[in-house]
Amino acid sequence: MSSSGKKAVISKTEYIRRRARLMAELAPDSLAIVSSAGEQLRSRDTFFPFRQDSDFLYLSGFEEPEALLVLVPGRTQGETLLFCRECDAEKEMWDGPRLGPEQAVQRLGLSDAFPIGDLDDILPGLLEGRERIYFPMGRYAHLDRRIRSYLQNITEAPGSKGAPEMVDLDYQLRELRLIKSAQELRLMAQAAEISATAHRRAMARCQPGLYEYQLEATLLHSFVDAGARETAYPTIVGSGRNALVMHYCSNQAKMSDGDLVLVDAGCEYRGYVADITRTYPVNGRFNGAQKALYEIVLSAQLAAIERVQAGNHWDEPHIASVEVITQGLVDLGLLQGDLVSLIEAGAYQRFYMHRVGHWLGMDVHDVGDYRVHGAWRQLEPGMVMTIEPGIYVPLNDKSVATEFRGIGIRIEDDVALTGEGVEVLSAAAPKSVEEIEYAMRHGRDLLTR
């Protein structure tokens, strides 16, 4: 599913279809409310770059703050109403253009749209008489307070039949977002390809004496240059012992000859994210201990990817990775004992303490249950996940040979399960020992593009 050629987008028709599917899941005589994200203060009068709430973006495609989406089930596909900021020439001169209610109806495929300032006049009337109100409870305190105030007034009105039932909307949205459409998969392929190119450029630049943040700068430049102006999460560039810290992101150390560097980085592209990790030698050559551990992690990852099949349950890729890593640690003498007994005792967790992956989509740890009715969920076409086994040998673990101590390795790819089988969206990032060493020796031309 290459991202080459025409750039992928989510069509207006797909947004309309998403809203219709959600409303079909809601109870009769109900109403669903979804809020945009708010602007976040960074310091005094400056704000962080605005990032829309994923659920709101999934249903609307609208990327402005101060907005509310109201879904009214019933009558064919139901009605979709948007409350948003009005156009304001003076404010737009400072902060950029606004779509406004009038244009929003046609552009977004809505039933109607209103100024956000009219919310208090319109929404209470929509709530009145409903049996059930769906909204993401607890996510936005100001929305919780506002809805509860409306409902209290309705309840206290003469002749009231009481307040409607309040239901969290998260479950329905999690289930819808878990299965990706063809348009979503194309966007995720683009995010992964942009991110894989950035990883190749980082490999080409890497050398002893550089600082971790200089590799980070290479990644960020590559993301932005390709039109992906946001990272999916804080970039991790951990060299030497820093690779042992799962969420290390200070990226301040000077990289040393003989060390490995673990680079966990992915971009966000048009609302969809990539999540890729590669580990490689700072000087471009794996030594014996590094290569031995790396090959175990790579074998574990390939075994896990093989278990990403429709009908298999969520835990099967993890089980495969545990089996390979445990056996590899036994072969190298880092663990002693019978394979089955070691796995049952969780002995591998000294060196492999996280699970093999997570859902991926609009969020880096995307929505979707891993268990259904207490059992591991079965994998289905349209699901996208990371596969990311690792081995992390503590620096002070005197039970293992000296040459292995302080080594941290993780290999992570973005894996889509489609109707045709498995596709590794991030396959363009070099992964084998030979590919990595070649990319580090001969990849300099990438830095000039």
Protein backbone atom coordinates (compact mmCIF):
# COMPACT_ATOMS: atom_id res chain seq x y z
CA MET A 1 0.00 0.00 0.00
CA SER A 2 2.55 2.53 -1.15
CA SER A 3 2.03 6.21 -0.45
CA SER A 4 3.54 7.15 -3.80
CA GLY A 5 1.40 8.98 -6.32
CA LYS A 6 -1.70 10.92 -5.34
CA LYS A 7 -1.75 11.91 -1.68
CA ALA A 8 -4.43 10.21 0.40
CA VAL A 9 -7.26 12.10 2.06
CA ILE A 10 -10.39 11.23 3.97
CA SER A 11 -13.33 12.13 1.75
CA LYS A 12 -16.44 14.00 2.83
CA THR A 13 -18.42 10.88 1.94
CA GLU A 14 -16.42 8.82 4.43
CA TYR A 15 -17.06 11.31 7.25
CA ILE A 16 -20.78 11.17 6.48
CA ARG A 17 -20.64 7.37 6.50
CA ARG A 18 -18.81 7.32 9.85
CA ARG A 19 -21.46 9.49 11.48
CA ALA A 20 -24.24 7.36 10.04
CA ARG A 21 -22.60 4.18 11.35
CA LEU A 22 -22.28 5.67 14.82
CA MET A 23 -25.88 6.87 14.89
CA ALA A 24 -27.05 3.41 13.82
CA GLU A 25 -25.44 2.09 17.04
CA LEU A 26 -27.22 4.57 19.31
CA ALA A 27 -30.53 4.07 21.08
CA PRO A 28 -33.74 5.63 19.70
CA ASP A 29 -34.69 9.00 21.22
CA SER A 30 -31.04 9.65 22.09
CA LEU A 31 -28.49 12.33 21.34
CA ALA A 32 -24.68 12.18 21.05
CA ILE A 33 -22.40 15.10 21.82
CA VAL A 34 -18.71 15.25 20.86
CA SER A 35 -16.49 18.21 21.70
CA SER A 36 -13.47 19.60 19.92
CA ALA A 37 -10.22 19.91 21.81
CA GLY A 38 -9.38 23.21 23.47
CA GLU A 39 -6.33 25.35 22.95
CA GLN A 40 -3.61 24.64 25.53
CA LEU A 41 -1.63 27.46 27.14
CA ARG A 42 2.13 26.96 26.81
CA SER A 43 3.46 30.02 28.62
CA ARG A 44 1.75 33.27 29.49
CA ASP A 45 0.07 34.31 26.21
CA THR A 46 1.46 31.64 23.86
CA PHE A 47 -0.22 28.34 23.07
CA PHE A 48 0.89 24.86 22.05
CA PRO A 49 0.14 24.04 18.39
CA PHE A 50 -3.52 23.06 18.27
CA ARG A 51 -4.27 19.37 17.85
CA GLN A 52 -7.88 18.36 17.35
CA ASP A 53 -9.56 15.76 19.56
CA SER A 54 -9.26 12.45 17.71
CA ASP A 55 -12.91 11.43 18.11
CA PHE A 56 -14.13 14.83 16.97
CA LEU A 57 -11.78 14.79 13.98
CA TYR A 58 -12.77 11.22 13.11
CA LEU A 59 -16.44 12.19 12.89
CA SER A 60 -16.20 15.66 11.37
CA GLY A 61 -12.87 16.38 9.66
CA PHE A 62 -13.11 19.82 11.30
CA GLU A 63 -9.82 21.12 12.69
CA GLU A 64 -10.79 24.25 14.64
CA PRO A 65 -11.18 24.65 18.42
CA GLU A 66 -14.33 25.86 20.20
CA ALA A 67 -16.67 23.50 18.40
CA LEU A 68 -19.30 20.93 19.33
CA LEU A 69 -20.78 18.14 17.21
CA VAL A 70 -24.31 16.93 17.96
CA LEU A 71 -25.62 13.71 16.40
CA VAL A 72 -29.36 13.12 16.35
CA PRO A 73 -30.26 9.52 15.38
CA GLY A 74 -33.44 8.76 13.47
CA ARG A 75 -34.98 9.58 10.11
CA THR A 76 -32.81 7.81 7.50
CA GLN A 77 -29.17 8.55 8.44
CA GLY A 78 -30.00 10.96 11.25
CA GLU A 79 -28.99 14.59 11.57
CA THR A 80 -25.57 16.09 12.30
CA LEU A 81 -25.32 19.56 13.79
CA LEU A 82 -22.16 21.60 14.34
CA PHE A 83 -21.62 24.52 16.67
CA CYS A 84 -18.49 26.48 15.73
CA ARG A 85 -16.91 29.93 15.74
CA GLU A 86 -18.33 32.54 13.42
CA CYS A 87 -16.17 34.18 10.79
CA ASP A 88 -14.58 37.33 12.21
CA ALA A 89 -12.39 39.43 9.90
CA GLU A 90 -10.49 41.15 12.72
CA LYS A 91 -9.65 37.93 14.60
CA GLU A 92 -8.88 36.06 11.39
CA MET A 93 -6.32 38.75 10.53
CA TRP A 94 -4.36 37.62 13.61
CA ASP A 95 -5.13 33.91 13.91
CA GLY A 96 -6.02 32.76 10.41
CA PRO A 97 -9.23 31.95 8.56
CA ARG A 98 -12.28 30.26 10.08
CA LEU A 99 -14.70 28.06 8.19
CA GLY A 100 -17.80 29.48 9.88
CA PRO A 101 -21.26 27.89 10.18
CA GLU A 102 -22.41 28.82 6.69
CA GLN A 103 -19.56 27.11 4.84
CA ALA A 104 -19.35 24.20 7.30
CA VAL A 105 -22.65 22.67 6.20
CA GLN A 106 -21.57 22.14 2.60
CA ARG A 107 -17.86 21.55 3.22
CA LEU A 108 -18.37 18.92 5.93
CA GLY A 109 -21.62 17.35 4.74
CA LEU A 110 -23.68 18.42 7.79
CA SER A 111 -27.40 18.85 8.32
CA ASP A 112 -26.97 22.30 9.86
CA ALA A 113 -24.46 24.49 11.71
CA PHE A 114 -24.77 27.30 14.26
CA PRO A 115 -22.52 29.83 15.97
CA ILE A 116 -20.96 28.44 19.14
CA GLY A 117 -22.33 31.48 20.95
CA ASP A 118 -25.87 30.17 20.36
CA LEU A 119 -25.18 26.89 22.19
CA ASP A 120 -27.06 27.87 25.36
CA ASP A 121 -30.12 28.81 23.33
CA ILE A 122 -30.25 25.69 21.12
CA LEU A 123 -28.72 22.68 22.87
CA PRO A 124 -31.04 22.56 25.91
CA GLY A 125 -34.00 22.26 23.56
CA LEU A 126 -32.33 19.38 21.76
CA LEU A 127 -31.68 17.59 25.07
CA GLU A 128 -35.24 17.95 26.31
CA GLY A 129 -37.31 14.79 25.99
CA ARG A 130 -34.37 12.51 25.18
CA GLU A 131 -34.16 9.16 26.93
CA ARG A 132 -30.37 8.87 26.65
CA ILE A 133 -27.47 11.27 26.16
CA TYR A 134 -24.13 9.94 24.89
CA PHE A 135 -20.95 11.94 25.37
CA PRO A 136 -17.31 11.32 26.39
CA MET A 137 -17.72 11.77 30.11
CA GLY A 138 -14.75 13.04 32.07
CA ARG A 139 -12.69 14.13 29.07
CA TYR A 140 -13.57 17.82 29.12
CA ALA A 141 -14.63 19.17 32.51
CA HIS A 142 -16.20 22.33 31.07
CA LEU A 143 -18.45 20.21 28.83
CA ASP A 144 -19.45 17.94 31.72
CA ARG A 145 -20.45 20.94 33.80
CA ARG A 146 -22.35 22.56 30.97
CA ILE A 147 -24.34 19.42 30.07
CA ARG A 148 -25.18 18.72 33.71
CA SER A 149 -26.36 22.29 34.15
CA TYR A 150 -28.66 21.97 31.13
CA LEU A 151 -30.04 18.67 32.42
CA GLN A 152 -30.59 20.02 35.91
CA ASN A 153 -32.68 22.86 34.51
CA ILE A 154 -34.69 20.35 32.44
CA THR A 155 -35.26 18.14 35.48
CA GLU A 156 -36.41 21.06 37.63
CA ALA A 157 -38.84 22.38 35.03
CA PRO A 158 -42.57 21.95 35.79
CA GLY A 159 -43.93 18.65 34.46
CA SER A 160 -40.48 17.22 33.89
CA LYS A 161 -40.23 13.44 33.55
CA GLY A 162 -36.69 13.50 34.92
CA ALA A 163 -33.24 13.64 33.40
CA PRO A 164 -32.21 11.36 30.55
CA GLU A 165 -29.74 8.55 31.16
CA MET A 166 -26.10 9.61 30.73
CA VAL A 167 -23.98 7.15 28.75
CA ASP A 168 -20.27 7.29 27.93
CA LEU A 169 -19.77 7.43 24.16
CA ASP A 170 -16.27 5.96 24.26
CA TYR A 171 -17.23 2.32 23.67
CA GLN A 172 -19.08 2.93 20.38
CA LEU A 173 -16.33 5.17 19.05
CA ARG A 174 -13.56 2.76 20.07
CA GLU A 175 -15.19 -0.01 18.08
CA LEU A 176 -15.67 2.16 15.00
CA ARG A 177 -12.14 3.54 15.02
CA LEU A 178 -10.47 0.17 15.58
CA ILE A 179 -11.23 -1.10 12.05
CA LYS A 180 -9.54 1.14 9.50
CA SER A 181 -10.99 1.91 6.09
CA ALA A 182 -9.02 1.82 2.84
CA GLN A 183 -8.66 5.61 3.01
CA GLU A 184 -7.30 5.43 6.54
CA LEU A 185 -4.83 2.69 5.61
CA ARG A 186 -3.52 4.81 2.74
CA LEU A 187 -2.93 7.74 5.11
CA MET A 188 -1.20 5.47 7.62
CA ALA A 189 1.00 4.10 4.84
CA GLN A 190 2.00 7.67 3.99
CA ALA A 191 2.78 8.46 7.63
CA ALA A 192 4.89 5.30 7.84
CA GLU A 193 6.75 6.02 4.60
CA ILE A 194 7.57 9.57 5.70
CA SER A 195 8.78 8.23 9.04
CA ALA A 196 10.83 5.44 7.45
CA THR A 197 12.62 7.97 5.24
CA ALA A 198 13.42 10.02 8.34
CA HIS A 199 14.90 6.95 10.04
CA ARG A 200 17.09 6.26 7.01
CA ARG A 201 18.36 9.84 7.11
CA ALA A 202 19.12 9.56 10.81
CA MET A 203 21.11 6.38 10.18
CA ALA A 204 23.07 8.14 7.45
CA ARG A 205 23.95 11.05 9.72
CA CYS A 206 24.77 9.02 12.83
CA GLN A 207 28.40 8.99 13.97
CA PRO A 208 30.40 9.17 17.22
CA GLY A 209 30.57 12.64 18.75
CA LEU A 210 27.13 13.78 17.64
CA TYR A 211 24.54 14.57 20.28
CA GLU A 212 21.29 12.67 20.50
CA TYR A 213 19.35 15.85 19.78
CA GLN A 214 21.19 16.20 16.47
CA LEU A 215 19.72 12.91 15.32
CA GLU A 216 16.36 14.13 16.58
CA ALA A 217 16.80 17.28 14.46
CA THR A 218 17.40 15.13 11.37
CA LEU A 219 14.18 13.22 12.02
CA LEU A 220 12.13 16.37 12.62
CA HIS A 221 13.51 18.08 9.52
CA SER A 222 12.58 15.06 7.43
CA PHE A 223 9.04 14.95 8.85
CA VAL A 224 8.34 18.64 8.23
CA ASP A 225 9.99 18.60 4.81
CA ALA A 226 7.50 15.89 3.77
CA GLY A 227 4.49 17.85 5.04
CA ALA A 228 4.13 16.14 8.43
CA ARG A 229 4.54 19.03 10.85
CA GLU A 230 3.76 17.11 14.03
CA THR A 231 5.37 14.14 15.73
CA ALA A 232 3.13 11.31 16.90
CA TYR A 233 4.83 11.38 20.34
CA PRO A 234 8.02 12.84 21.87
CA THR A 235 10.96 11.51 19.87
CA ILE A 236 13.25 9.05 21.68
CA VAL A 237 16.95 9.02 20.81
CA GLY A 238 18.64 6.96 23.51
CA SER A 239 22.30 6.03 23.08
CA GLY A 240 24.22 3.66 25.34
CA ARG A 241 22.56 3.20 28.71
CA ASN A 242 19.81 5.68 27.76
CA ALA A 243 18.30 2.97 25.55
CA LEU A 244 17.34 1.13 28.74
CA VAL A 245 14.84 3.88 29.64
CA MET A 246 11.54 3.05 27.91
CA HIS A 247 10.33 6.63 27.48
CA TYR A 248 13.67 8.45 27.46
CA CYS A 249 13.25 11.71 25.53
CA SER A 250 15.68 14.28 26.95
CA ASN A 251 18.03 13.44 24.04
CA GLN A 252 20.95 15.40 25.51
CA ALA A 253 23.85 12.91 25.60
CA LYS A 254 26.85 12.79 23.28
CA MET A 255 26.88 9.51 21.36
CA SER A 256 29.95 7.37 21.88
CA ASP A 257 31.91 5.05 19.62
CA GLY A 258 30.99 1.45 20.42
CA ASP A 259 27.50 2.21 21.73
CA LEU A 260 24.12 1.46 20.20
CA VAL A 261 21.49 4.15 19.75
CA LEU A 262 17.77 3.36 20.00
CA VAL A 263 15.62 5.71 17.92
CA ASP A 264 11.84 5.61 18.45
CA ALA A 265 10.17 8.21 16.24
CA GLY A 266 7.11 8.65 14.07
CA CYS A 267 5.26 11.50 12.43
CA GLU A 268 1.63 12.46 12.41
CA TYR A 269 0.27 13.00 8.91
CA ARG A 270 -3.23 14.39 8.34
CA GLY A 271 -4.44 13.03 11.67
CA TYR A 272 -2.82 9.58 11.44
CA VAL A 273 0.41 8.46 13.05
CA ALA A 274 3.39 6.19 12.56
CA ASP A 275 5.44 4.56 15.32
CA ILE A 276 8.82 3.11 14.29
CA THR A 277 11.85 2.07 16.33
CA ARG A 278 15.26 1.15 15.02
CA THR A 279 18.42 0.37 17.00
CA TYR A 280 21.84 0.64 15.41
CA PRO A 281 25.53 1.12 16.22
CA VAL A 282 26.70 4.71 16.55
CA ASN A 283 29.86 3.90 14.56
CA GLY A 284 28.00 1.94 11.86
CA ARG A 285 29.20 -1.55 12.84
CA PHE A 286 27.59 -3.98 15.30
CA ASN A 287 30.07 -5.70 17.61
CA GLY A 288 29.64 -9.36 18.52
CA ALA A 289 27.48 -8.96 21.64
CA GLN A 290 25.31 -6.27 20.04
CA LYS A 291 24.75 -8.36 16.95
CA ALA A 292 23.91 -11.49 18.96
CA LEU A 293 21.20 -9.70 20.96
CA TYR A 294 19.96 -7.79 17.93
CA GLU A 295 19.44 -10.97 15.92
CA ILE A 296 17.33 -12.41 18.76
CA VAL A 297 15.08 -9.33 18.83
CA LEU A 298 14.77 -9.33 15.04
CA SER A 299 13.86 -13.04 14.99
CA ALA A 300 11.28 -12.41 17.72
CA GLN A 301 9.76 -9.57 15.73
CA LEU A 302 9.54 -11.61 12.53
CA ALA A 303 7.95 -14.50 14.45
CA ALA A 304 5.41 -12.14 15.98
CA ILE A 305 4.52 -10.59 12.62
CA GLU A 306 3.88 -14.08 11.24
CA ARG A 307 1.22 -14.54 13.93
CA VAL A 308 -0.69 -11.42 12.84
CA GLN A 309 -3.42 -13.35 11.03
CA ALA A 310 -7.19 -13.01 10.88
CA GLY A 311 -8.71 -15.33 13.46
CA ASN A 312 -5.64 -15.41 15.71
CA HIS A 313 -6.13 -13.70 19.04
CA TRP A 314 -4.37 -10.52 20.14
CA ASP A 315 -1.92 -12.28 22.46
CA GLU A 316 -0.51 -14.73 19.90
CA PRO A 317 2.12 -12.35 18.45
CA HIS A 318 3.29 -11.56 21.99
CA ILE A 319 3.53 -15.25 22.87
CA ALA A 320 5.65 -15.84 19.76
CA SER A 321 8.01 -13.01 20.71
CA VAL A 322 8.38 -14.31 24.26
CA GLU A 323 9.25 -17.80 23.04
CA VAL A 324 11.97 -16.57 20.68
CA ILE A 325 13.47 -14.09 23.13
CA THR A 326 13.52 -16.55 26.02
CA GLN A 327 15.20 -19.23 23.93
CA GLY A 328 17.71 -16.70 22.63
CA LEU A 329 18.59 -15.55 26.14
CA VAL A 330 19.10 -19.17 27.16
CA ASP A 331 21.35 -19.77 24.16
CA LEU A 332 23.51 -16.78 25.12
CA GLY A 333 23.62 -17.73 28.79
CA LEU A 334 21.63 -14.75 30.09
CA LEU A 335 19.00 -17.17 31.38
CA GLN A 336 19.43 -20.73 32.62
CA GLY A 337 16.76 -23.40 32.70
CA ASP A 338 13.99 -25.10 30.76
CA LEU A 339 12.24 -22.92 28.16
CA VAL A 340 8.67 -23.72 29.27
CA SER A 341 9.48 -23.27 32.95
CA LEU A 342 11.25 -19.96 32.33
CA ILE A 343 8.30 -18.63 30.36
CA GLU A 344 5.79 -19.78 32.99
CA ALA A 345 7.88 -18.09 35.69
CA GLY A 346 8.18 -14.87 33.65
CA ALA A 347 11.98 -15.02 33.89
CA TYR A 348 12.31 -13.21 30.54
CA GLN A 349 10.72 -10.09 32.05
CA ARG A 350 14.08 -9.10 33.56
CA PHE A 351 15.11 -8.29 29.99
CA TYR A 352 11.81 -7.93 28.10
CA MET A 353 9.35 -6.13 30.35
CA HIS A 354 6.75 -4.76 27.94
CA ARG A 355 4.24 -6.31 25.59
CA VAL A 356 4.90 -6.76 21.90
CA GLY A 357 2.62 -4.02 20.62
CA HIS A 358 -0.49 -1.84 20.70
CA TRP A 359 -3.19 -0.56 18.37
CA LEU A 360 -2.19 2.29 16.07
CA GLY A 361 -4.29 4.87 14.26
CA MET A 362 -5.18 8.48 14.97
CA ASP A 363 -3.51 8.08 18.37
CA VAL A 364 -0.18 6.36 18.89
CA HIS A 365 -1.78 4.11 21.51
CA ASP A 366 -5.00 3.94 19.59
CA VAL A 367 -8.45 3.07 20.87
CA GLY A 368 -9.82 -0.45 20.89
CA ASP A 369 -10.29 -3.17 23.48
CA TYR A 370 -7.68 -5.93 23.67
CA ARG A 371 -10.10 -8.27 25.41
CA VAL A 372 -13.77 -8.93 24.67
CA HIS A 373 -15.87 -10.55 27.40
CA GLY A 374 -12.69 -11.50 29.24
CA ALA A 375 -11.01 -13.26 26.29
CA TRP A 376 -8.28 -11.97 24.00
CA ARG A 377 -9.75 -10.26 20.97
CA GLN A 378 -9.54 -11.98 17.60
CA LEU A 379 -7.62 -10.14 14.90
CA GLU A 380 -9.60 -8.88 11.89
CA PRO A 381 -8.80 -7.15 8.58
CA GLY A 382 -8.61 -3.39 9.07
CA MET A 383 -6.71 -3.56 12.36
CA VAL A 384 -3.33 -1.82 12.57
CA MET A 385 -0.85 -2.51 15.35
CA THR A 386 2.78 -2.10 16.27
CA ILE A 387 5.06 -5.10 16.68
CA GLU A 388 7.97 -4.07 18.92
CA PRO A 389 9.86 -6.68 20.94
CA GLY A 390 12.98 -5.67 22.80
CA ILE A 391 15.83 -6.79 25.04
CA TYR A 392 17.21 -4.49 27.74
CA VAL A 393 20.16 -5.70 29.83
CA PRO A 394 20.68 -3.64 33.01
CA LEU A 395 24.07 -2.02 33.33
CA ASN A 396 24.64 -3.38 36.84
CA ASP A 397 23.38 -6.95 36.26
CA LYS A 398 26.40 -8.98 37.30
CA SER A 399 24.63 -12.25 36.54
CA VAL A 400 25.31 -11.76 32.82
CA ALA A 401 28.56 -11.51 30.89
CA THR A 402 30.11 -8.03 30.86
CA GLU A 403 29.83 -7.55 27.09
CA PHE A 404 26.02 -7.69 27.24
CA ARG A 405 25.51 -5.24 30.10
CA GLY A 406 23.96 -1.86 29.31
CA ILE A 407 22.65 -2.89 25.89
CA GLY A 408 19.10 -1.86 24.99
CA ILE A 409 17.52 -2.95 21.71
CA ARG A 410 13.99 -2.51 20.34
CA ILE A 411 12.73 -3.05 16.80
CA GLU A 412 9.27 -1.70 15.97
CA ASP A 413 7.17 -1.72 12.83
CA ASP A 414 3.64 -0.66 11.93
CA VAL A 415 1.67 -3.69 10.77
CA ALA A 416 -1.70 -3.61 8.99
CA LEU A 417 -3.93 -6.66 8.66
CA THR A 418 -5.80 -6.41 5.37
CA GLY A 419 -8.08 -8.70 3.41
CA GLU A 420 -5.00 -9.90 1.50
CA GLY A 421 -2.93 -10.57 4.62
CA VAL A 422 -0.26 -8.66 6.53
CA GLU A 423 1.40 -5.49 5.28
CA VAL A 424 4.34 -3.94 7.14
CA LEU A 425 3.69 -0.26 6.49
CA SER A 426 7.12 0.78 7.78
CA ALA A 427 9.13 -1.78 5.79
CA ALA A 428 11.17 0.96 4.07
CA ALA A 429 13.17 1.56 7.28
CA PRO A 430 16.28 -0.70 7.18
CA LYS A 431 16.04 -3.48 9.72
CA SER A 432 18.45 -6.36 9.19
CA VAL A 433 22.05 -6.04 10.36
CA GLU A 434 23.24 -5.94 6.75
CA GLU A 435 20.65 -3.33 5.68
CA ILE A 436 21.45 -1.07 8.61
CA GLU A 437 25.21 -1.20 8.17
CA TYR A 438 24.81 -0.58 4.43
CA ALA A 439 22.48 2.39 5.03
CA MET A 440 24.90 3.91 7.51
CA ARG A 441 27.83 3.58 5.08
CA HIS A 442 26.12 4.58 1.84
CA GLY A 443 23.09 6.67 2.77
CA ARG A 444 24.71 10.10 2.77
CA ASP A 445 22.94 11.17 -0.43
CA LEU A 446 19.64 11.15 1.48
CA LEU A 447 20.86 14.05 3.60
CA THR A 448 21.06 16.38 0.60
CA ARG A 449 17.53 15.71 -0.65
